[in-house]
Amino acid sequence: MLTGKRFRLNMGTLAVTQSSAGRRTTVTIPPGEIVKVVSGPGGEGLIDVLWNGQLFDMFEVDLESRGEELPEVSEAHT
């Protein structure tokens, strides 16, 4: 299960966000950025990730192939 794990992206990775009006926007999260998995995967292999304080959908396979899992941070260090 990926929920709660953080990943550093080694390659630019596509992600999708949805506005309050229901409009979807595609962005490329650049290499070196860190995302945190919030939930998923869903039925289509999508997971919810948090990046720069915003929620995005990303394919689980993209995250696993283009990112590296970071060690867990203890509560004392956050």
PDB file of N, CA and C in Angstrom:
ATOM      1  N   MET A   1       0.842  -1.186   0.000  1.00  0.00           N
ATOM      2  CA  MET A   1       0.000   0.000   0.000  1.00  0.00           C
ATOM      3  C   MET A   1       0.883   1.244   0.000  1.00  0.00           C
ATOM      4  N   LEU A   2       0.575   2.183  -0.861  1.00  0.00           N
ATOM      5  CA  LEU A   2       1.395   3.378  -1.030  1.00  0.00           C
ATOM      6  C   LEU A   2       0.941   4.569  -0.200  1.00  0.00           C
ATOM      7  N   THR A   3      -0.265   4.521   0.340  1.00  0.00           N
ATOM      8  CA  THR A   3      -0.813   5.663   1.068  1.00  0.00           C
ATOM      9  C   THR A   3       0.131   6.117   2.175  1.00  0.00           C
ATOM     10  N   GLY A   4       0.427   7.411   2.186  1.00  0.00           N
ATOM     11  CA  GLY A   4       1.292   7.997   3.201  1.00  0.00           C
ATOM     12  C   GLY A   4       2.764   8.016   2.816  1.00  0.00           C
ATOM     13  N   LYS A   5       3.136   7.331   1.744  1.00  0.00           N
ATOM     14  CA  LYS A   5       4.544   7.282   1.335  1.00  0.00           C
ATOM     15  C   LYS A   5       4.879   8.491   0.470  1.00  0.00           C
ATOM     16  N   ARG A   6       6.152   8.874   0.541  1.00  0.00           N
ATOM     17  CA  ARG A   6       6.650  10.003  -0.240  1.00  0.00           C
ATOM     18  C   ARG A   6       7.616   9.492  -1.301  1.00  0.00           C
ATOM     19  N   PHE A   7       7.584  10.137  -2.466  1.00  0.00           N
ATOM     20  CA  PHE A   7       8.441   9.744  -3.576  1.00  0.00           C
ATOM     21  C   PHE A   7       9.104  10.974  -4.171  1.00  0.00           C
ATOM     22  N   ARG A   8      10.384  10.828  -4.531  1.00  0.00           N
ATOM     23  CA  ARG A   8      11.091  11.854  -5.300  1.00  0.00           C
ATOM     24  C   ARG A   8      11.044  11.402  -6.752  1.00  0.00           C
ATOM     25  N   LEU A   9      10.603  12.284  -7.640  1.00  0.00           N
ATOM     26  CA  LEU A   9      10.494  11.939  -9.047  1.00  0.00           C
ATOM     27  C   LEU A   9      11.850  12.072  -9.725  1.00  0.00           C
ATOM     28  N   ASN A  10      12.241  11.042 -10.477  1.00  0.00           N
ATOM     29  CA  ASN A  10      13.496  11.053 -11.217  1.00  0.00           C
ATOM     30  C   ASN A  10      13.304  11.564 -12.642  1.00  0.00           C
ATOM     31  N   MET A  11      12.067  11.585 -13.087  1.00  0.00           N
ATOM     32  CA  MET A  11      11.719  12.066 -14.427  1.00  0.00           C
ATOM     33  C   MET A  11      10.450  12.902 -14.305  1.00  0.00           C
ATOM     34  N   GLY A  12      10.244  13.810 -15.252  1.00  0.00           N
ATOM     35  CA  GLY A  12       8.998  14.548 -15.285  1.00  0.00           C
ATOM     36  C   GLY A  12       7.836  13.569 -15.419  1.00  0.00           C
ATOM     37  N   THR A  13       6.758  13.808 -14.687  1.00  0.00           N
ATOM     38  CA  THR A  13       5.637  12.866 -14.650  1.00  0.00           C
ATOM     39  C   THR A  13       4.320  13.620 -14.770  1.00  0.00           C
ATOM     40  N   LEU A  14       3.452  13.114 -15.648  1.00  0.00           N
ATOM     41  CA  LEU A  14       2.148  13.750 -15.845  1.00  0.00           C
ATOM     42  C   LEU A  14       1.239  13.535 -14.645  1.00  0.00           C
ATOM     43  N   ALA A  15       0.493  14.566 -14.336  1.00  0.00           N
ATOM     44  CA  ALA A  15      -0.497  14.504 -13.266  1.00  0.00           C
ATOM     45  C   ALA A  15      -1.686  15.362 -13.698  1.00  0.00           C
ATOM     46  N   VAL A  16      -2.851  15.073 -13.123  1.00  0.00           N
ATOM     47  CA  VAL A  16      -4.081  15.787 -13.489  1.00  0.00           C
ATOM     48  C   VAL A  16      -4.717  16.333 -12.221  1.00  0.00           C
ATOM     49  N   THR A  17      -5.199  17.574 -12.303  1.00  0.00           N
ATOM     50  CA  THR A  17      -5.922  18.174 -11.193  1.00  0.00           C
ATOM     51  C   THR A  17      -7.308  18.583 -11.685  1.00  0.00           C
ATOM     52  N   GLN A  18      -8.224  18.699 -10.764  1.00  0.00           N
ATOM     53  CA  GLN A  18      -9.587  19.092 -11.118  1.00  0.00           C
ATOM     54  C   GLN A  18      -9.969  20.321 -10.315  1.00  0.00           C
ATOM     55  N   SER A  19     -10.442  21.347 -11.012  1.00  0.00           N
ATOM     56  CA  SER A  19     -10.845  22.578 -10.338  1.00  0.00           C
ATOM     57  C   SER A  19     -12.220  22.391  -9.707  1.00  0.00           C
ATOM     58  N   SER A  20     -12.623  23.365  -8.897  1.00  0.00           N
ATOM     59  CA  SER A  20     -13.944  23.297  -8.272  1.00  0.00           C
ATOM     60  C   SER A  20     -15.056  23.348  -9.316  1.00  0.00           C
ATOM     61  N   ALA A  21     -14.761  23.886 -10.504  1.00  0.00           N
ATOM     62  CA  ALA A  21     -15.744  23.950 -11.589  1.00  0.00           C
ATOM     63  C   ALA A  21     -15.775  22.652 -12.402  1.00  0.00           C
ATOM     64  N   GLY A  22     -14.916  21.694 -12.045  1.00  0.00           N
ATOM     65  CA  GLY A  22     -14.896  20.409 -12.732  1.00  0.00           C
ATOM     66  C   GLY A  22     -13.965  20.358 -13.933  1.00  0.00           C
ATOM     67  N   ARG A  23     -13.218  21.400 -14.170  1.00  0.00           N
ATOM     68  CA  ARG A  23     -12.281  21.445 -15.293  1.00  0.00           C
ATOM     69  C   ARG A  23     -10.994  20.719 -14.920  1.00  0.00           C
ATOM     70  N   ARG A  24     -10.561  19.804 -15.782  1.00  0.00           N
ATOM     71  CA  ARG A  24      -9.332  19.057 -15.538  1.00  0.00           C
ATOM     72  C   ARG A  24      -8.157  19.736 -16.225  1.00  0.00           C
ATOM     73  N   THR A  25      -7.029  19.795 -15.519  1.00  0.00           N
ATOM     74  CA  THR A  25      -5.817  20.393 -16.048  1.00  0.00           C
ATOM     75  C   THR A  25      -4.676  19.399 -15.898  1.00  0.00           C
ATOM     76  N   THR A  26      -3.921  19.210 -16.971  1.00  0.00           N
ATOM     77  CA  THR A  26      -2.774  18.313 -16.947  1.00  0.00           C
ATOM     78  C   THR A  26      -1.510  19.136 -16.744  1.00  0.00           C
ATOM     79  N   VAL A  27      -0.659  18.659 -15.851  1.00  0.00           N
ATOM     80  CA  VAL A  27       0.625  19.303 -15.600  1.00  0.00           C
ATOM     81  C   VAL A  27       1.710  18.228 -15.606  1.00  0.00           C
ATOM     82  N   THR A  28       2.932  18.655 -15.830  1.00  0.00           N
ATOM     83  CA  THR A  28       4.078  17.765 -15.676  1.00  0.00           C
ATOM     84  C   THR A  28       4.793  18.173 -14.401  1.00  0.00           C
ATOM     85  N   ILE A  29       4.858  17.258 -13.457  1.00  0.00           N
ATOM     86  CA  ILE A  29       5.602  17.522 -12.228  1.00  0.00           C
ATOM     87  C   ILE A  29       7.070  17.254 -12.558  1.00  0.00           C
ATOM     88  N   PRO A  30       7.944  18.253 -12.355  1.00  0.00           N
ATOM     89  CA  PRO A  30       9.330  18.128 -12.795  1.00  0.00           C
ATOM     90  C   PRO A  30      10.149  17.137 -11.971  1.00  0.00           C
ATOM     91  N   PRO A  31      11.252  16.661 -12.567  1.00  0.00           N
ATOM     92  CA  PRO A  31      12.154  15.775 -11.833  1.00  0.00           C
ATOM     93  C   PRO A  31      12.692  16.476 -10.586  1.00  0.00           C
ATOM     94  N   GLY A  32      12.924  15.692  -9.541  1.00  0.00           N
ATOM     95  CA  GLY A  32      13.451  16.221  -8.284  1.00  0.00           C
ATOM     96  C   GLY A  32      12.379  16.620  -7.293  1.00  0.00           C
ATOM     97  N   GLU A  33      11.147  16.766  -7.758  1.00  0.00           N
ATOM     98  CA  GLU A  33      10.053  17.147  -6.867  1.00  0.00           C
ATOM     99  C   GLU A  33       9.612  15.955  -6.027  1.00  0.00           C
ATOM    100  N   ILE A  34       9.056  16.249  -4.863  1.00  0.00           N
ATOM    101  CA  ILE A  34       8.582  15.211  -3.939  1.00  0.00           C
ATOM    102  C   ILE A  34       7.062  15.262  -3.883  1.00  0.00           C
ATOM    103  N   VAL A  35       6.451  14.090  -4.038  1.00  0.00           N
ATOM    104  CA  VAL A  35       4.999  13.963  -3.917  1.00  0.00           C
ATOM    105  C   VAL A  35       4.698  12.988  -2.784  1.00  0.00           C
ATOM    106  N   LYS A  36       3.541  13.179  -2.164  1.00  0.00           N
ATOM    107  CA  LYS A  36       3.086  12.279  -1.105  1.00  0.00           C
ATOM    108  C   LYS A  36       1.786  11.629  -1.550  1.00  0.00           C
ATOM    109  N   VAL A  37       1.714  10.309  -1.432  1.00  0.00           N
ATOM    110  CA  VAL A  37       0.520   9.570  -1.830  1.00  0.00           C
ATOM    111  C   VAL A  37      -0.533   9.742  -0.745  1.00  0.00           C
ATOM    112  N   VAL A  38      -1.712  10.214  -1.163  1.00  0.00           N
ATOM    113  CA  VAL A  38      -2.811  10.459  -0.233  1.00  0.00           C
ATOM    114  C   VAL A  38      -3.775   9.276  -0.211  1.00  0.00           C
ATOM    115  N   SER A  39      -4.065   8.709  -1.388  1.00  0.00           N
ATOM    116  CA  SER A  39      -4.951   7.544  -1.450  1.00  0.00           C
ATOM    117  C   SER A  39      -4.813   6.853  -2.795  1.00  0.00           C
ATOM    118  N   GLY A  40      -5.339   5.638  -2.858  1.00  0.00           N
ATOM    119  CA  GLY A  40      -5.358   4.890  -4.113  1.00  0.00           C
ATOM    120  C   GLY A  40      -4.538   3.626  -4.004  1.00  0.00           C
ATOM    121  N   PRO A  41      -4.460   2.869  -5.015  1.00  0.00           N
ATOM    122  CA  PRO A  41      -4.972   3.154  -6.346  1.00  0.00           C
ATOM    123  C   PRO A  41      -6.463   2.868  -6.463  1.00  0.00           C
ATOM    124  N   GLY A  42      -7.082   3.570  -7.395  1.00  0.00           N
ATOM    125  CA  GLY A  42      -8.486   3.344  -7.705  1.00  0.00           C
ATOM    126  C   GLY A  42      -8.599   2.313  -8.808  1.00  0.00           C
ATOM    127  N   GLY A  43      -9.785   2.166  -9.351  1.00  0.00           N
ATOM    128  CA  GLY A  43     -10.054   1.162 -10.362  1.00  0.00           C
ATOM    129  C   GLY A  43      -9.273   1.339 -11.649  1.00  0.00           C
ATOM    130  N   GLU A  44      -8.887   2.558 -11.998  1.00  0.00           N
ATOM    131  CA  GLU A  44      -8.142   2.800 -13.226  1.00  0.00           C
ATOM    132  C   GLU A  44      -6.648   2.875 -12.990  1.00  0.00           C
ATOM    133  N   GLY A  45      -6.182   2.498 -11.795  1.00  0.00           N
ATOM    134  CA  GLY A  45      -4.758   2.560 -11.487  1.00  0.00           C
ATOM    135  C   GLY A  45      -4.285   3.951 -11.109  1.00  0.00           C
ATOM    136  N   LEU A  46      -5.244   4.850 -10.820  1.00  0.00           N
ATOM    137  CA  LEU A  46      -4.894   6.208 -10.423  1.00  0.00           C
ATOM    138  C   LEU A  46      -4.733   6.313  -8.914  1.00  0.00           C
ATOM    139  N   ILE A  47      -3.779   7.128  -8.517  1.00  0.00           N
ATOM    140  CA  ILE A  47      -3.586   7.426  -7.103  1.00  0.00           C
ATOM    141  C   ILE A  47      -3.700   8.941  -6.930  1.00  0.00           C
ATOM    142  N   ASP A  48      -4.033   9.363  -5.728  1.00  0.00           N
ATOM    143  CA  ASP A  48      -4.077  10.779  -5.381  1.00  0.00           C
ATOM    144  C   ASP A  48      -2.758  11.132  -4.716  1.00  0.00           C
ATOM    145  N   VAL A  49      -2.101  12.177  -5.223  1.00  0.00           N
ATOM    146  CA  VAL A  49      -0.852  12.633  -4.628  1.00  0.00           C
ATOM    147  C   VAL A  49      -0.961  14.106  -4.275  1.00  0.00           C
ATOM    148  N   LEU A  50      -0.198  14.509  -3.283  1.00  0.00           N
ATOM    149  CA  LEU A  50      -0.129  15.897  -2.860  1.00  0.00           C
ATOM    150  C   LEU A  50       1.213  16.455  -3.311  1.00  0.00           C
ATOM    151  N   TRP A  51       1.169  17.561  -4.060  1.00  0.00           N
ATOM    152  CA  TRP A  51       2.380  18.237  -4.523  1.00  0.00           C
ATOM    153  C   TRP A  51       2.164  19.735  -4.407  1.00  0.00           C
ATOM    154  N   ASN A  52       3.081  20.402  -3.753  1.00  0.00           N
ATOM    155  CA  ASN A  52       2.986  21.857  -3.558  1.00  0.00           C
ATOM    156  C   ASN A  52       1.640  22.274  -2.977  1.00  0.00           C
ATOM    157  N   GLY A  53       1.116  21.467  -2.066  1.00  0.00           N
ATOM    158  CA  GLY A  53      -0.131  21.798  -1.395  1.00  0.00           C
ATOM    159  C   GLY A  53      -1.383  21.579  -2.225  1.00  0.00           C
ATOM    160  N   GLN A  54      -1.246  20.954  -3.388  1.00  0.00           N
ATOM    161  CA  GLN A  54      -2.392  20.727  -4.270  1.00  0.00           C
ATOM    162  C   GLN A  54      -2.534  19.233  -4.550  1.00  0.00           C
ATOM    163  N   LEU A  55      -3.785  18.786  -4.692  1.00  0.00           N
ATOM    164  CA  LEU A  55      -4.085  17.382  -4.928  1.00  0.00           C
ATOM    165  C   LEU A  55      -4.111  17.091  -6.425  1.00  0.00           C
ATOM    166  N   PHE A  56      -3.449  16.001  -6.825  1.00  0.00           N
ATOM    167  CA  PHE A  56      -3.382  15.584  -8.225  1.00  0.00           C
ATOM    168  C   PHE A  56      -3.681  14.097  -8.331  1.00  0.00           C
ATOM    169  N   ASP A  57      -4.143  13.676  -9.505  1.00  0.00           N
ATOM    170  CA  ASP A  57      -4.248  12.260  -9.857  1.00  0.00           C
ATOM    171  C   ASP A  57      -3.023  11.904 -10.683  1.00  0.00           C
ATOM    172  N   MET A  58      -2.486  10.703 -10.422  1.00  0.00           N
ATOM    173  CA  MET A  58      -1.316  10.228 -11.151  1.00  0.00           C
ATOM    174  C   MET A  58      -1.450   8.724 -11.297  1.00  0.00           C
ATOM    175  N   PHE A  59      -0.962   8.177 -12.400  1.00  0.00           N
ATOM    176  CA  PHE A  59      -0.983   6.728 -12.539  1.00  0.00           C
ATOM    177  C   PHE A  59       0.048   6.099 -11.611  1.00  0.00           C
ATOM    178  N   GLU A  60      -0.378   5.055 -10.900  1.00  0.00           N
ATOM    179  CA  GLU A  60       0.507   4.362  -9.969  1.00  0.00           C
ATOM    180  C   GLU A  60       1.755   3.849 -10.676  1.00  0.00           C
ATOM    181  N   VAL A  61       1.589   3.291 -11.863  1.00  0.00           N
ATOM    182  CA  VAL A  61       2.725   2.739 -12.604  1.00  0.00           C
ATOM    183  C   VAL A  61       3.742   3.827 -12.943  1.00  0.00           C
ATOM    184  N   ASP A  62       3.276   5.044 -13.244  1.00  0.00           N
ATOM    185  CA  ASP A  62       4.196   6.146 -13.515  1.00  0.00           C
ATOM    186  C   ASP A  62       4.999   6.503 -12.274  1.00  0.00           C
ATOM    187  N   LEU A  63       4.332   6.578 -11.149  1.00  0.00           N
ATOM    188  CA  LEU A  63       5.023   6.915  -9.901  1.00  0.00           C
ATOM    189  C   LEU A  63       6.069   5.865  -9.558  1.00  0.00           C
ATOM    190  N   GLU A  64       5.707   4.600  -9.683  1.00  0.00           N
ATOM    191  CA  GLU A  64       6.643   3.534  -9.328  1.00  0.00           C
ATOM    192  C   GLU A  64       7.815   3.433 -10.290  1.00  0.00           C
ATOM    193  N   SER A  65       7.596   3.736 -11.569  1.00  0.00           N
ATOM    194  CA  SER A  65       8.688   3.616 -12.536  1.00  0.00           C
ATOM    195  C   SER A  65       9.534   4.884 -12.643  1.00  0.00           C
ATOM    196  N   ARG A  66       8.988   6.034 -12.271  1.00  0.00           N
ATOM    197  CA  ARG A  66       9.700   7.298 -12.431  1.00  0.00           C
ATOM    198  C   ARG A  66      10.124   7.944 -11.121  1.00  0.00           C
ATOM    199  N   GLY A  67       9.767   7.306 -10.016  1.00  0.00           N
ATOM    200  CA  GLY A  67      10.100   7.892  -8.725  1.00  0.00           C
ATOM    201  C   GLY A  67      10.808   6.901  -7.828  1.00  0.00           C
ATOM    202  N   GLU A  68      11.402   7.430  -6.781  1.00  0.00           N
ATOM    203  CA  GLU A  68      12.029   6.581  -5.776  1.00  0.00           C
ATOM    204  C   GLU A  68      11.409   6.897  -4.422  1.00  0.00           C
ATOM    205  N   GLU A  69      11.058   5.841  -3.720  1.00  0.00           N
ATOM    206  CA  GLU A  69      10.439   6.023  -2.411  1.00  0.00           C
ATOM    207  C   GLU A  69      11.453   6.597  -1.428  1.00  0.00           C
ATOM    208  N   LEU A  70      11.015   7.557  -0.652  1.00  0.00           N
ATOM    209  CA  LEU A  70      11.875   8.176   0.363  1.00  0.00           C
ATOM    210  C   LEU A  70      11.605   7.511   1.704  1.00  0.00           C
ATOM    211  N   PRO A  71      12.617   7.474   2.564  1.00  0.00           N
ATOM    212  CA  PRO A  71      12.410   6.897   3.887  1.00  0.00           C
ATOM    213  C   PRO A  71      11.372   7.683   4.661  1.00  0.00           C
ATOM    214  N   GLU A  72      10.688   6.987   5.552  1.00  0.00           N
ATOM    215  CA  GLU A  72       9.670   7.646   6.374  1.00  0.00           C
ATOM    216  C   GLU A  72      10.332   8.658   7.292  1.00  0.00           C
ATOM    217  N   VAL A  73       9.637   9.763   7.499  1.00  0.00           N
ATOM    218  CA  VAL A  73      10.104  10.815   8.382  1.00  0.00           C
ATOM    219  C   VAL A  73       9.420  10.636   9.726  1.00  0.00           C
ATOM    220  N   SER A  74      10.190  10.645  10.796  1.00  0.00           N
ATOM    221  CA  SER A  74       9.574  10.503  12.120  1.00  0.00           C
ATOM    222  C   SER A  74       8.863  11.789  12.485  1.00  0.00           C
ATOM    223  N   GLU A  75       7.878  11.692  13.338  1.00  0.00           N
ATOM    224  CA  GLU A  75       7.092  12.856  13.753  1.00  0.00           C
ATOM    225  C   GLU A  75       7.955  13.915  14.419  1.00  0.00           C
ATOM    226  N   ALA A  76       9.055  13.522  15.044  1.00  0.00           N
ATOM    227  CA  ALA A  76       9.924  14.485  15.716  1.00  0.00           C
ATOM    228  C   ALA A  76      10.629  15.383  14.725  1.00  0.00           C
ATOM    229  N   HIS A  77      10.775  14.945  13.476  1.00  0.00           N
ATOM    230  CA  HIS A  77      11.503  15.721  12.468  1.00  0.00           C
ATOM    231  C   HIS A  77      10.596  16.497  11.543  1.00  0.00           C
ATOM    232  N   THR A  78       9.293  16.440  11.708  1.00  0.00           N
ATOM    233  CA  THR A  78       8.395  17.160  10.795  1.00  0.00           C
ATOM    234  C   THR A  78       8.017  18.499  11.309  1.00  0.00           C
TER     235      THR A  78
END
